[in-house]
Amino acid sequence: MCIGVVIFTSITCYITIDASGYRTVALILLLSVSILAMLFDILPVLSAALLSALIWNFFFIPPLFTFHIYHAEDVLMFLLYFVIAMVNAVLSFKIRIAEKKNRDKEEKEKTIALYNTLLNSLSHELRTPISTIITAVDTLKDVEGRISPAQQHEIMNQLDIATIRLNRQVENLLNMSRLESGMLKLNADWCDINEFIHSVIHKCDIKEQHQIKFSPNENLPLFKFDRGLMEHVLENLIHNATYYTPPQTIITIVTKLQNQHLIIIVEDNGPGIPKSELPYLFDKFYRIPQTKVGGTGLGLSIVKGFTEAHGGTVKAENNITKGVSFIITLPIESSYINHLKNE
């Protein structure tokens, strides 16, 4: 490639030699070598620099078609050209190496910062439910037969909340690992979207502090997608809405078919999100400053990854009145029930 560029440049200069002059050709060849030095490794560039010097000598410096140079100034120019071309190639290569080291260092520092963020989050997110479980179990063992049914029910409720929280964090870590490994494969199958959303809402087990509203759209066809992945998507969005909004917030889920795309909207009437933070919501480990303590910042990045695995998109936007909407758009197969019966 490098040699080809030098030969092409030399032929072009040879055709226009009458208009440019052989000294101008030297500048043009040096420019081409400089550009090559920014793009390729050192050995091809050094070969190109040596070849360009020999071509300039043989085809352009009088007398032509010989390596003999009669004028002292032309000899000096040729030597300077050769030295400049070689030094330029070496320095450009070293600059590229230094830039690569800086990029690697920055990437390494960024990775370390991300892992520190993750470990700091996990130190709280995993320790809290584990401590709750250990305390509850110890209490049940120490006071066995001496606690009232109400106290026992409260302890069991704490165990339930802690295990669900612990399971959610472990699932998020495993799902993020699946995304980053690049081994994620869809297992798509036909699904009734109304039944699917009802099952996810029931699985989320929303407490009395929040209310979920979902009106089934009976006119929608069956859709084909990976039910397991989309369950994680919807669960994370619902959990995010319940976790970061005050009590009595209403969470609304809307589904519709638009331009051969399935649209799923999860919105709330909470305080909303600062406009400046919206572009970063789906970044890994990102959490909005000065929000409720807890969470690893993986939930929304998993939503984005699983949605994009279906070829879809997800975005967040503040509502006109109040609250925020998460809009999922999936370009997936659909089929009406009567069509399926005819197959």
C-alpha atoms as a PDB file:
ATOM      1  CA  MET A   1       0.000   0.000   0.000  1.00  0.00           C
ATOM      2  CA  CYS A   2       2.721   2.495   0.978  1.00  0.00           C
ATOM      3  CA  ILE A   3       4.832   1.666  -2.078  1.00  0.00           C
ATOM      4  CA  GLY A   4       1.771   1.934  -4.295  1.00  0.00           C
ATOM      5  CA  VAL A   5       1.022   5.428  -2.986  1.00  0.00           C
ATOM      6  CA  VAL A   6       4.614   6.533  -3.629  1.00  0.00           C
ATOM      7  CA  ILE A   7       4.575   5.115  -7.175  1.00  0.00           C
ATOM      8  CA  PHE A   8       1.204   6.727  -7.956  1.00  0.00           C
ATOM      9  CA  THR A   9       2.410  10.094  -6.614  1.00  0.00           C
ATOM     10  CA  SER A  10       5.646   9.811  -8.602  1.00  0.00           C
ATOM     11  CA  ILE A  11       3.804   9.042 -11.856  1.00  0.00           C
ATOM     12  CA  THR A  12       1.500  12.010 -11.304  1.00  0.00           C
ATOM     13  CA  CYS A  13       4.467  14.292 -10.653  1.00  0.00           C
ATOM     14  CA  TYR A  14       6.336  12.919 -13.682  1.00  0.00           C
ATOM     15  CA  ILE A  15       3.413  13.802 -15.947  1.00  0.00           C
ATOM     16  CA  THR A  16       3.318  17.365 -14.611  1.00  0.00           C
ATOM     17  CA  ILE A  17       7.081  17.855 -14.224  1.00  0.00           C
ATOM     18  CA  ASP A  18       7.194  20.675 -16.752  1.00  0.00           C
ATOM     19  CA  ALA A  19       4.804  22.766 -14.674  1.00  0.00           C
ATOM     20  CA  SER A  20       6.175  21.977 -11.228  1.00  0.00           C
ATOM     21  CA  GLY A  21       9.934  21.367 -11.399  1.00  0.00           C
ATOM     22  CA  TYR A  22      11.933  18.649  -9.683  1.00  0.00           C
ATOM     23  CA  ARG A  23      12.394  20.591  -6.431  1.00  0.00           C
ATOM     24  CA  THR A  24       8.617  20.860  -6.019  1.00  0.00           C
ATOM     25  CA  VAL A  25       8.361  17.127  -6.634  1.00  0.00           C
ATOM     26  CA  ALA A  26      10.584  16.574  -3.585  1.00  0.00           C
ATOM     27  CA  LEU A  27       8.108  18.490  -1.410  1.00  0.00           C
ATOM     28  CA  ILE A  28       5.157  16.519  -2.794  1.00  0.00           C
ATOM     29  CA  LEU A  29       6.890  13.177  -2.177  1.00  0.00           C
ATOM     30  CA  LEU A  30       7.832  14.265   1.348  1.00  0.00           C
ATOM     31  CA  LEU A  31       4.180  15.158   1.971  1.00  0.00           C
ATOM     32  CA  SER A  32       3.040  11.730   0.811  1.00  0.00           C
ATOM     33  CA  VAL A  33       5.598  10.013   3.061  1.00  0.00           C
ATOM     34  CA  SER A  34       4.462  12.175   5.994  1.00  0.00           C
ATOM     35  CA  ILE A  35       0.844  11.148   5.464  1.00  0.00           C
ATOM     36  CA  LEU A  36       1.822   7.481   5.200  1.00  0.00           C
ATOM     37  CA  ALA A  37       3.773   7.777   8.464  1.00  0.00           C
ATOM     38  CA  MET A  38       0.556   8.744  10.242  1.00  0.00           C
ATOM     39  CA  LEU A  39      -1.302   5.695   8.949  1.00  0.00           C
ATOM     40  CA  PHE A  40       1.051   2.712   8.696  1.00  0.00           C
ATOM     41  CA  ASP A  41       3.734   0.873  10.659  1.00  0.00           C
ATOM     42  CA  ILE A  42       7.388   1.851  10.627  1.00  0.00           C
ATOM     43  CA  LEU A  43       8.807  -0.720   8.163  1.00  0.00           C
ATOM     44  CA  PRO A  44       6.411   0.008   5.237  1.00  0.00           C
ATOM     45  CA  VAL A  45       6.895   3.746   5.789  1.00  0.00           C
ATOM     46  CA  LEU A  46      10.689   3.472   5.851  1.00  0.00           C
ATOM     47  CA  SER A  47      10.521   1.436   2.636  1.00  0.00           C
ATOM     48  CA  ALA A  48       8.310   4.100   1.081  1.00  0.00           C
ATOM     49  CA  ALA A  49      10.712   6.859   2.202  1.00  0.00           C
ATOM     50  CA  LEU A  50      13.715   5.050   0.708  1.00  0.00           C
ATOM     51  CA  LEU A  51      11.848   4.317  -2.526  1.00  0.00           C
ATOM     52  CA  SER A  52      10.655   7.929  -2.867  1.00  0.00           C
ATOM     53  CA  ALA A  53      14.252   9.180  -2.472  1.00  0.00           C
ATOM     54  CA  LEU A  54      15.536   6.796  -5.157  1.00  0.00           C
ATOM     55  CA  ILE A  55      12.669   7.659  -7.528  1.00  0.00           C
ATOM     56  CA  TRP A  56      13.251  11.375  -7.062  1.00  0.00           C
ATOM     57  CA  ASN A  57      16.945  10.886  -7.803  1.00  0.00           C
ATOM     58  CA  PHE A  58      16.492   8.602 -10.831  1.00  0.00           C
ATOM     59  CA  PHE A  59      13.511  10.227 -12.567  1.00  0.00           C
ATOM     60  CA  PHE A  60      13.607  13.896 -11.544  1.00  0.00           C
ATOM     61  CA  ILE A  61      17.096  15.145 -10.595  1.00  0.00           C
ATOM     62  CA  PRO A  62      19.175  16.013 -13.683  1.00  0.00           C
ATOM     63  CA  PRO A  63      20.646  14.103 -15.379  1.00  0.00           C
ATOM     64  CA  LEU A  64      17.564  11.887 -15.647  1.00  0.00           C
ATOM     65  CA  PHE A  65      17.517   8.067 -15.551  1.00  0.00           C
ATOM     66  CA  THR A  66      20.745   7.795 -13.603  1.00  0.00           C
ATOM     67  CA  PHE A  67      21.707   7.895  -9.965  1.00  0.00           C
ATOM     68  CA  HIS A  68      24.620  10.254 -10.639  1.00  0.00           C
ATOM     69  CA  ILE A  69      24.165  13.812  -9.354  1.00  0.00           C
ATOM     70  CA  TYR A  70      26.515  16.414 -10.815  1.00  0.00           C
ATOM     71  CA  HIS A  71      25.567  19.592  -8.938  1.00  0.00           C
ATOM     72  CA  ALA A  72      26.632  19.943  -5.301  1.00  0.00           C
ATOM     73  CA  GLU A  73      23.378  21.652  -4.298  1.00  0.00           C
ATOM     74  CA  ASP A  74      21.396  18.733  -5.767  1.00  0.00           C
ATOM     75  CA  VAL A  75      23.547  16.293  -3.820  1.00  0.00           C
ATOM     76  CA  LEU A  76      22.864  18.264  -0.645  1.00  0.00           C
ATOM     77  CA  MET A  77      19.146  18.400  -1.419  1.00  0.00           C
ATOM     78  CA  PHE A  78      19.040  14.650  -2.040  1.00  0.00           C
ATOM     79  CA  LEU A  79      20.825  13.897   1.244  1.00  0.00           C
ATOM     80  CA  LEU A  80      18.567  16.276   3.136  1.00  0.00           C
ATOM     81  CA  TYR A  81      15.503  14.742   1.479  1.00  0.00           C
ATOM     82  CA  PHE A  82      16.635  11.244   2.463  1.00  0.00           C
ATOM     83  CA  VAL A  83      17.358  12.257   6.083  1.00  0.00           C
ATOM     84  CA  ILE A  84      14.113  14.249   6.451  1.00  0.00           C
ATOM     85  CA  ALA A  85      12.019  11.431   5.010  1.00  0.00           C
ATOM     86  CA  MET A  86      13.562   8.851   7.333  1.00  0.00           C
ATOM     87  CA  VAL A  87      13.436  11.066  10.444  1.00  0.00           C
ATOM     88  CA  ASN A  88       9.851  12.052   9.671  1.00  0.00           C
ATOM     89  CA  ALA A  89       8.836   8.398   9.367  1.00  0.00           C
ATOM     90  CA  VAL A  90      10.519   7.428  12.659  1.00  0.00           C
ATOM     91  CA  LEU A  91       9.217  10.427  14.621  1.00  0.00           C
ATOM     92  CA  SER A  92       5.671   9.984  13.327  1.00  0.00           C
ATOM     93  CA  PHE A  93       5.787   6.315  14.324  1.00  0.00           C
ATOM     94  CA  LYS A  94       7.039   7.181  17.812  1.00  0.00           C
ATOM     95  CA  ILE A  95       4.314   9.793  18.200  1.00  0.00           C
ATOM     96  CA  ARG A  96       1.700   7.194  17.244  1.00  0.00           C
ATOM     97  CA  ILE A  97       3.163   4.765  19.805  1.00  0.00           C
ATOM     98  CA  ALA A  98       3.057   7.447  22.504  1.00  0.00           C
ATOM     99  CA  GLU A  99      -0.541   8.322  21.630  1.00  0.00           C
ATOM    100  CA  LYS A 100      -1.514   4.659  21.758  1.00  0.00           C
ATOM    101  CA  LYS A 101       0.084   4.296  25.186  1.00  0.00           C
ATOM    102  CA  ASN A 102      -1.811   7.355  26.401  1.00  0.00           C
ATOM    103  CA  ARG A 103      -5.091   5.953  25.056  1.00  0.00           C
ATOM    104  CA  ASP A 104      -4.408   2.587  26.679  1.00  0.00           C
ATOM    105  CA  LYS A 105      -3.567   4.319  29.952  1.00  0.00           C
ATOM    106  CA  GLU A 106      -6.758   6.383  29.830  1.00  0.00           C
ATOM    107  CA  GLU A 107      -8.797   3.292  28.976  1.00  0.00           C
ATOM    108  CA  LYS A 108      -7.195   1.389  31.833  1.00  0.00           C
ATOM    109  CA  GLU A 109      -7.891   4.229  34.260  1.00  0.00           C
ATOM    110  CA  LYS A 110     -11.473   4.385  33.036  1.00  0.00           C
ATOM    111  CA  THR A 111     -11.871   0.626  33.483  1.00  0.00           C
ATOM    112  CA  ILE A 112     -10.419   0.794  36.998  1.00  0.00           C
ATOM    113  CA  ALA A 113     -12.786   3.654  37.832  1.00  0.00           C
ATOM    114  CA  LEU A 114     -15.752   1.663  36.540  1.00  0.00           C
ATOM    115  CA  TYR A 115     -14.778  -1.401  38.551  1.00  0.00           C
ATOM    116  CA  ASN A 116     -14.252   0.736  41.654  1.00  0.00           C
ATOM    117  CA  THR A 117     -17.730   2.150  41.134  1.00  0.00           C
ATOM    118  CA  LEU A 118     -19.121  -1.350  40.761  1.00  0.00           C
ATOM    119  CA  LEU A 119     -17.302  -2.665  43.847  1.00  0.00           C
ATOM    120  CA  ASN A 120     -18.390   0.337  45.919  1.00  0.00           C
ATOM    121  CA  SER A 121     -21.980  -0.209  44.851  1.00  0.00           C
ATOM    122  CA  LEU A 122     -21.838  -3.946  45.451  1.00  0.00           C
ATOM    123  CA  SER A 123     -20.275  -3.465  48.868  1.00  0.00           C
ATOM    124  CA  HIS A 124     -23.561  -1.832  49.869  1.00  0.00           C
ATOM    125  CA  GLU A 125     -26.031  -3.520  47.579  1.00  0.00           C
ATOM    126  CA  LEU A 126     -24.929  -7.076  48.408  1.00  0.00           C
ATOM    127  CA  ARG A 127     -23.949  -6.546  52.041  1.00  0.00           C
ATOM    128  CA  THR A 128     -27.317  -5.054  53.014  1.00  0.00           C
ATOM    129  CA  PRO A 129     -29.564  -7.948  51.912  1.00  0.00           C
ATOM    130  CA  ILE A 130     -27.031 -10.544  53.080  1.00  0.00           C
ATOM    131  CA  SER A 131     -26.876  -8.901  56.523  1.00  0.00           C
ATOM    132  CA  THR A 132     -30.670  -8.814  56.647  1.00  0.00           C
ATOM    133  CA  ILE A 133     -30.901 -12.496  55.795  1.00  0.00           C
ATOM    134  CA  ILE A 134     -28.273 -13.477  58.383  1.00  0.00           C
ATOM    135  CA  THR A 135     -29.923 -11.354  61.094  1.00  0.00           C
ATOM    136  CA  ALA A 136     -33.384 -12.713  60.333  1.00  0.00           C
ATOM    137  CA  VAL A 137     -32.192 -16.328  60.352  1.00  0.00           C
ATOM    138  CA  ASP A 138     -30.303 -15.821  63.626  1.00  0.00           C
ATOM    139  CA  THR A 139     -33.397 -14.255  65.183  1.00  0.00           C
ATOM    140  CA  LEU A 140     -35.586 -17.173  64.125  1.00  0.00           C
ATOM    141  CA  LYS A 141     -33.056 -19.654  65.527  1.00  0.00           C
ATOM    142  CA  ASP A 142     -32.500 -17.877  68.860  1.00  0.00           C
ATOM    143  CA  VAL A 143     -36.128 -17.171  69.699  1.00  0.00           C
ATOM    144  CA  GLU A 144     -37.719 -20.222  68.131  1.00  0.00           C
ATOM    145  CA  GLY A 145     -41.177 -20.713  69.614  1.00  0.00           C
ATOM    146  CA  ARG A 146     -41.040 -17.432  71.569  1.00  0.00           C
ATOM    147  CA  ILE A 147     -42.121 -14.931  68.903  1.00  0.00           C
ATOM    148  CA  SER A 148     -45.632 -13.994  67.939  1.00  0.00           C
ATOM    149  CA  PRO A 149     -47.113 -14.786  64.513  1.00  0.00           C
ATOM    150  CA  ALA A 150     -47.004 -11.070  63.679  1.00  0.00           C
ATOM    151  CA  GLN A 151     -43.290 -10.860  64.491  1.00  0.00           C
ATOM    152  CA  GLN A 152     -42.627 -14.026  62.527  1.00  0.00           C
ATOM    153  CA  HIS A 153     -44.530 -12.614  59.570  1.00  0.00           C
ATOM    154  CA  GLU A 154     -42.453  -9.411  59.707  1.00  0.00           C
ATOM    155  CA  ILE A 155     -39.192 -11.380  59.789  1.00  0.00           C
ATOM    156  CA  MET A 156     -40.307 -13.518  56.841  1.00  0.00           C
ATOM    157  CA  ASN A 157     -41.266 -10.354  54.966  1.00  0.00           C
ATOM    158  CA  GLN A 158     -37.770  -8.934  55.553  1.00  0.00           C
ATOM    159  CA  LEU A 159     -36.270 -12.190  54.301  1.00  0.00           C
ATOM    160  CA  ASP A 160     -38.436 -12.009  51.188  1.00  0.00           C
ATOM    161  CA  ILE A 161     -37.427  -8.417  50.398  1.00  0.00           C
ATOM    162  CA  ALA A 162     -33.733  -9.132  51.005  1.00  0.00           C
ATOM    163  CA  THR A 163     -33.660 -12.242  48.819  1.00  0.00           C
ATOM    164  CA  ILE A 164     -35.478 -10.466  45.981  1.00  0.00           C
ATOM    165  CA  ARG A 165     -33.021  -7.566  46.197  1.00  0.00           C
ATOM    166  CA  LEU A 166     -30.040  -9.910  46.281  1.00  0.00           C
ATOM    167  CA  ASN A 167     -31.381 -11.921  43.344  1.00  0.00           C
ATOM    168  CA  ARG A 168     -31.926  -8.743  41.301  1.00  0.00           C
ATOM    169  CA  GLN A 169     -28.330  -7.605  41.789  1.00  0.00           C
ATOM    170  CA  VAL A 170     -26.910 -11.006  40.871  1.00  0.00           C
ATOM    171  CA  GLU A 171     -29.133 -11.170  37.779  1.00  0.00           C
ATOM    172  CA  ASN A 172     -28.007  -7.710  36.688  1.00  0.00           C
ATOM    173  CA  LEU A 173     -24.355  -8.728  37.026  1.00  0.00           C
ATOM    174  CA  LEU A 174     -24.918 -11.926  35.052  1.00  0.00           C
ATOM    175  CA  ASN A 175     -26.878 -10.090  32.365  1.00  0.00           C
ATOM    176  CA  MET A 176     -24.181  -7.438  32.002  1.00  0.00           C
ATOM    177  CA  SER A 177     -21.615 -10.227  31.669  1.00  0.00           C
ATOM    178  CA  ARG A 178     -23.698 -11.788  28.878  1.00  0.00           C
ATOM    179  CA  LEU A 179     -23.863  -8.466  27.042  1.00  0.00           C
ATOM    180  CA  GLU A 180     -20.141  -7.724  27.309  1.00  0.00           C
ATOM    181  CA  SER A 181     -19.115 -11.246  26.298  1.00  0.00           C
ATOM    182  CA  GLY A 182     -20.829 -10.821  22.928  1.00  0.00           C
ATOM    183  CA  MET A 183     -22.314 -14.306  23.274  1.00  0.00           C
ATOM    184  CA  LEU A 184     -25.905 -13.132  23.707  1.00  0.00           C
ATOM    185  CA  LYS A 185     -28.260 -14.984  21.344  1.00  0.00           C
ATOM    186  CA  LEU A 186     -31.979 -14.401  20.922  1.00  0.00           C
ATOM    187  CA  ASN A 187     -34.438 -17.207  21.557  1.00  0.00           C
ATOM    188  CA  ALA A 188     -37.426 -15.570  19.879  1.00  0.00           C
ATOM    189  CA  ASP A 189     -40.912 -17.061  20.019  1.00  0.00           C
ATOM    190  CA  TRP A 190     -44.493 -15.901  19.499  1.00  0.00           C
ATOM    191  CA  CYS A 191     -45.933 -14.050  22.482  1.00  0.00           C
ATOM    192  CA  ASP A 192     -49.187 -12.360  23.489  1.00  0.00           C
ATOM    193  CA  ILE A 193     -47.995  -8.922  24.582  1.00  0.00           C
ATOM    194  CA  ASN A 194     -50.920  -8.374  26.966  1.00  0.00           C
ATOM    195  CA  GLU A 195     -50.360 -11.663  28.790  1.00  0.00           C
ATOM    196  CA  PHE A 196     -46.624 -10.983  28.815  1.00  0.00           C
ATOM    197  CA  ILE A 197     -46.986  -7.578  30.516  1.00  0.00           C
ATOM    198  CA  HIS A 198     -49.525  -8.898  33.044  1.00  0.00           C
ATOM    199  CA  SER A 199     -47.118 -11.700  34.027  1.00  0.00           C
ATOM    200  CA  VAL A 200     -44.213  -9.258  34.469  1.00  0.00           C
ATOM    201  CA  ILE A 201     -46.346  -6.931  36.620  1.00  0.00           C
ATOM    202  CA  HIS A 202     -47.401  -9.874  38.787  1.00  0.00           C
ATOM    203  CA  LYS A 203     -43.808 -11.046  39.066  1.00  0.00           C
ATOM    204  CA  CYS A 204     -42.616  -7.595  40.168  1.00  0.00           C
ATOM    205  CA  ASP A 205     -44.930  -7.805  43.218  1.00  0.00           C
ATOM    206  CA  ILE A 206     -45.422  -4.039  43.529  1.00  0.00           C
ATOM    207  CA  LYS A 207     -46.281  -2.937  47.046  1.00  0.00           C
ATOM    208  CA  GLU A 208     -49.067  -0.569  48.055  1.00  0.00           C
ATOM    209  CA  GLN A 209     -46.824   2.513  47.831  1.00  0.00           C
ATOM    210  CA  HIS A 210     -47.081   2.501  44.027  1.00  0.00           C
ATOM    211  CA  GLN A 211     -49.766   1.711  41.515  1.00  0.00           C
ATOM    212  CA  ILE A 212     -49.324   0.226  38.040  1.00  0.00           C
ATOM    213  CA  LYS A 213     -51.904   0.934  35.372  1.00  0.00           C
ATOM    214  CA  PHE A 214     -52.039  -1.188  32.241  1.00  0.00           C
ATOM    215  CA  SER A 215     -54.973  -1.373  29.844  1.00  0.00           C
ATOM    216  CA  PRO A 216     -54.618  -4.346  27.469  1.00  0.00           C
ATOM    217  CA  ASN A 217     -54.811  -3.524  23.790  1.00  0.00           C
ATOM    218  CA  GLU A 218     -56.861  -6.398  22.377  1.00  0.00           C
ATOM    219  CA  ASN A 219     -56.261  -5.278  18.788  1.00  0.00           C
ATOM    220  CA  LEU A 220     -52.562  -6.082  18.899  1.00  0.00           C
ATOM    221  CA  PRO A 221     -51.248  -9.169  17.063  1.00  0.00           C
ATOM    222  CA  LEU A 222     -48.871 -11.760  18.430  1.00  0.00           C
ATOM    223  CA  PHE A 223     -45.245 -10.604  18.482  1.00  0.00           C
ATOM    224  CA  LYS A 224     -42.076 -12.622  18.140  1.00  0.00           C
ATOM    225  CA  PHE A 225     -39.270 -11.768  20.558  1.00  0.00           C
ATOM    226  CA  ASP A 226     -37.089 -13.257  23.282  1.00  0.00           C
ATOM    227  CA  ARG A 227     -39.474 -13.381  26.238  1.00  0.00           C
ATOM    228  CA  GLY A 228     -36.728 -13.916  28.824  1.00  0.00           C
ATOM    229  CA  LEU A 229     -34.706 -10.888  27.744  1.00  0.00           C
ATOM    230  CA  MET A 230     -37.748  -8.649  27.437  1.00  0.00           C
ATOM    231  CA  GLU A 231     -38.882  -9.683  30.916  1.00  0.00           C
ATOM    232  CA  HIS A 232     -35.599  -8.314  32.279  1.00  0.00           C
ATOM    233  CA  VAL A 233     -36.133  -5.116  30.276  1.00  0.00           C
ATOM    234  CA  LEU A 234     -39.635  -4.489  31.614  1.00  0.00           C
ATOM    235  CA  GLU A 235     -38.766  -5.573  35.173  1.00  0.00           C
ATOM    236  CA  ASN A 236     -35.828  -3.175  35.310  1.00  0.00           C
ATOM    237  CA  LEU A 237     -37.922  -0.284  34.023  1.00  0.00           C
ATOM    238  CA  ILE A 238     -40.695  -0.967  36.551  1.00  0.00           C
ATOM    239  CA  HIS A 239     -38.204  -1.386  39.387  1.00  0.00           C
ATOM    240  CA  ASN A 240     -36.450   1.824  38.352  1.00  0.00           C
ATOM    241  CA  ALA A 241     -39.773   3.695  38.393  1.00  0.00           C
ATOM    242  CA  THR A 242     -40.776   2.373  41.836  1.00  0.00           C
ATOM    243  CA  TYR A 243     -37.341   2.879  43.366  1.00  0.00           C
ATOM    244  CA  TYR A 244     -36.703   6.461  42.300  1.00  0.00           C
ATOM    245  CA  THR A 245     -40.205   7.913  42.632  1.00  0.00           C
ATOM    246  CA  PRO A 246     -42.046   8.893  45.835  1.00  0.00           C
ATOM    247  CA  PRO A 247     -44.927   6.844  47.302  1.00  0.00           C
ATOM    248  CA  GLN A 248     -48.314   7.036  45.574  1.00  0.00           C
ATOM    249  CA  THR A 249     -46.641   7.490  42.188  1.00  0.00           C
ATOM    250  CA  ILE A 250     -48.624   5.972  39.345  1.00  0.00           C
ATOM    251  CA  ILE A 251     -46.738   3.896  36.772  1.00  0.00           C
ATOM    252  CA  THR A 252     -48.471   3.502  33.431  1.00  0.00           C
ATOM    253  CA  ILE A 253     -47.616   0.947  30.752  1.00  0.00           C
ATOM    254  CA  VAL A 254     -48.818   1.501  27.191  1.00  0.00           C
ATOM    255  CA  THR A 255     -48.399  -0.768  24.169  1.00  0.00           C
ATOM    256  CA  LYS A 256     -49.145  -0.053  20.526  1.00  0.00           C
ATOM    257  CA  LEU A 257     -48.265  -1.065  16.997  1.00  0.00           C
ATOM    258  CA  GLN A 258     -46.757   1.697  14.893  1.00  0.00           C
ATOM    259  CA  ASN A 259     -45.135   1.362  11.450  1.00  0.00           C
ATOM    260  CA  GLN A 260     -44.506  -2.368  11.941  1.00  0.00           C
ATOM    261  CA  HIS A 261     -42.829  -1.658  15.276  1.00  0.00           C
ATOM    262  CA  LEU A 262     -43.919  -2.670  18.754  1.00  0.00           C
ATOM    263  CA  ILE A 263     -43.911   0.356  21.053  1.00  0.00           C
ATOM    264  CA  ILE A 264     -43.799  -0.179  24.823  1.00  0.00           C
ATOM    265  CA  ILE A 265     -43.985   2.925  27.011  1.00  0.00           C
ATOM    266  CA  VAL A 266     -43.329   2.845  30.764  1.00  0.00           C
ATOM    267  CA  GLU A 267     -44.077   6.231  32.287  1.00  0.00           C
ATOM    268  CA  ASP A 268     -44.630   7.677  35.735  1.00  0.00           C
ATOM    269  CA  ASN A 269     -45.946  10.911  37.216  1.00  0.00           C
ATOM    270  CA  GLY A 270     -42.972  11.393  39.525  1.00  0.00           C
ATOM    271  CA  PRO A 271     -40.549  14.337  39.677  1.00  0.00           C
ATOM    272  CA  GLY A 272     -38.894  13.554  36.332  1.00  0.00           C
ATOM    273  CA  ILE A 273     -35.201  13.644  35.455  1.00  0.00           C
ATOM    274  CA  PRO A 274     -32.977  16.723  34.961  1.00  0.00           C
ATOM    275  CA  LYS A 275     -32.689  17.355  31.232  1.00  0.00           C
ATOM    276  CA  SER A 276     -28.883  17.473  31.425  1.00  0.00           C
ATOM    277  CA  GLU A 277     -28.823  13.903  32.799  1.00  0.00           C
ATOM    278  CA  LEU A 278     -30.999  12.273  30.117  1.00  0.00           C
ATOM    279  CA  PRO A 279     -28.130  11.496  27.655  1.00  0.00           C
ATOM    280  CA  TYR A 280     -26.252   9.517  30.331  1.00  0.00           C
ATOM    281  CA  LEU A 281     -29.077   7.432  31.800  1.00  0.00           C
ATOM    282  CA  PHE A 282     -28.190   4.259  29.894  1.00  0.00           C
ATOM    283  CA  ASP A 283     -24.442   4.413  30.570  1.00  0.00           C
ATOM    284  CA  LYS A 284     -23.020   1.541  32.596  1.00  0.00           C
ATOM    285  CA  PHE A 285     -22.742   2.278  36.352  1.00  0.00           C
ATOM    286  CA  TYR A 286     -24.245   5.756  35.865  1.00  0.00           C
ATOM    287  CA  ARG A 287     -26.454   7.107  38.615  1.00  0.00           C
ATOM    288  CA  ILE A 288     -28.019  10.544  38.764  1.00  0.00           C
ATOM    289  CA  PRO A 289     -26.217  12.660  41.378  1.00  0.00           C
ATOM    290  CA  GLN A 290     -28.009  13.344  44.669  1.00  0.00           C
ATOM    291  CA  THR A 291     -30.642  10.661  44.122  1.00  0.00           C
ATOM    292  CA  LYS A 292     -31.759   7.866  46.419  1.00  0.00           C
ATOM    293  CA  VAL A 293     -28.879   5.805  47.779  1.00  0.00           C
ATOM    294  CA  GLY A 294     -28.556   2.291  46.393  1.00  0.00           C
ATOM    295  CA  GLY A 295     -28.384   0.554  43.049  1.00  0.00           C
ATOM    296  CA  THR A 296     -25.405  -0.347  40.896  1.00  0.00           C
ATOM    297  CA  GLY A 297     -26.326   1.692  37.821  1.00  0.00           C
ATOM    298  CA  LEU A 298     -26.630  -1.452  35.685  1.00  0.00           C
ATOM    299  CA  GLY A 299     -30.394  -1.719  35.262  1.00  0.00           C
ATOM    300  CA  LEU A 300     -30.896   0.811  32.479  1.00  0.00           C
ATOM    301  CA  SER A 301     -27.714  -0.203  30.643  1.00  0.00           C
ATOM    302  CA  ILE A 302     -29.095  -3.768  30.563  1.00  0.00           C
ATOM    303  CA  VAL A 303     -32.405  -2.400  29.245  1.00  0.00           C
ATOM    304  CA  LYS A 304     -30.494  -0.696  26.440  1.00  0.00           C
ATOM    305  CA  GLY A 305     -28.357  -3.775  25.663  1.00  0.00           C
ATOM    306  CA  PHE A 306     -31.257  -6.259  25.540  1.00  0.00           C
ATOM    307  CA  THR A 307     -33.384  -3.862  23.484  1.00  0.00           C
ATOM    308  CA  GLU A 308     -30.595  -3.304  20.960  1.00  0.00           C
ATOM    309  CA  ALA A 309     -30.074  -7.079  20.793  1.00  0.00           C
ATOM    310  CA  HIS A 310     -33.574  -7.170  19.254  1.00  0.00           C
ATOM    311  CA  GLY A 311     -32.565  -4.436  16.806  1.00  0.00           C
ATOM    312  CA  GLY A 312     -34.615  -1.896  18.732  1.00  0.00           C
ATOM    313  CA  THR A 313     -34.041   1.368  20.552  1.00  0.00           C
ATOM    314  CA  VAL A 314     -34.894   2.806  23.948  1.00  0.00           C
ATOM    315  CA  LYS A 315     -35.015   6.431  24.976  1.00  0.00           C
ATOM    316  CA  ALA A 316     -36.054   8.457  28.005  1.00  0.00           C
ATOM    317  CA  GLU A 317     -37.835  11.784  27.935  1.00  0.00           C
ATOM    318  CA  ASN A 318     -39.603  13.972  30.466  1.00  0.00           C
ATOM    319  CA  ASN A 319     -43.368  14.246  30.155  1.00  0.00           C
ATOM    320  CA  ILE A 320     -45.019  17.574  29.405  1.00  0.00           C
ATOM    321  CA  THR A 321     -46.717  17.694  32.804  1.00  0.00           C
ATOM    322  CA  LYS A 322     -44.448  15.733  35.148  1.00  0.00           C
ATOM    323  CA  GLY A 323     -42.698  12.410  35.344  1.00  0.00           C
ATOM    324  CA  VAL A 324     -40.580  10.556  32.801  1.00  0.00           C
ATOM    325  CA  SER A 325     -41.328   8.120  29.982  1.00  0.00           C
ATOM    326  CA  PHE A 326     -39.141   5.257  28.775  1.00  0.00           C
ATOM    327  CA  ILE A 327     -40.031   4.393  25.187  1.00  0.00           C
ATOM    328  CA  ILE A 328     -38.997   1.040  23.704  1.00  0.00           C
ATOM    329  CA  THR A 329     -39.259   0.555  19.944  1.00  0.00           C
ATOM    330  CA  LEU A 330     -38.847  -2.984  18.600  1.00  0.00           C
ATOM    331  CA  PRO A 331     -38.822  -3.819  14.856  1.00  0.00           C
ATOM    332  CA  ILE A 332     -40.021  -7.386  15.299  1.00  0.00           C
ATOM    333  CA  GLU A 333     -42.188  -9.941  13.546  1.00  0.00           C
ATOM    334  CA  SER A 334     -45.908  -9.856  14.189  1.00  0.00           C
ATOM    335  CA  SER A 335     -48.791 -12.045  13.116  1.00  0.00           C
ATOM    336  CA  TYR A 336     -52.498 -11.901  13.741  1.00  0.00           C
ATOM    337  CA  ILE A 337     -54.112 -14.939  15.300  1.00  0.00           C
ATOM    338  CA  ASN A 338     -56.356 -15.601  12.329  1.00  0.00           C
ATOM    339  CA  HIS A 339     -53.309 -15.609  10.063  1.00  0.00           C
ATOM    340  CA  LEU A 340     -51.650 -18.206  12.259  1.00  0.00           C
ATOM    341  CA  LYS A 341     -54.724 -20.424  12.124  1.00  0.00           C
ATOM    342  CA  ASN A 342     -54.624 -20.409   8.339  1.00  0.00           C
ATOM    343  CA  GLU A 343     -51.014 -21.599   8.226  1.00  0.00           C
END
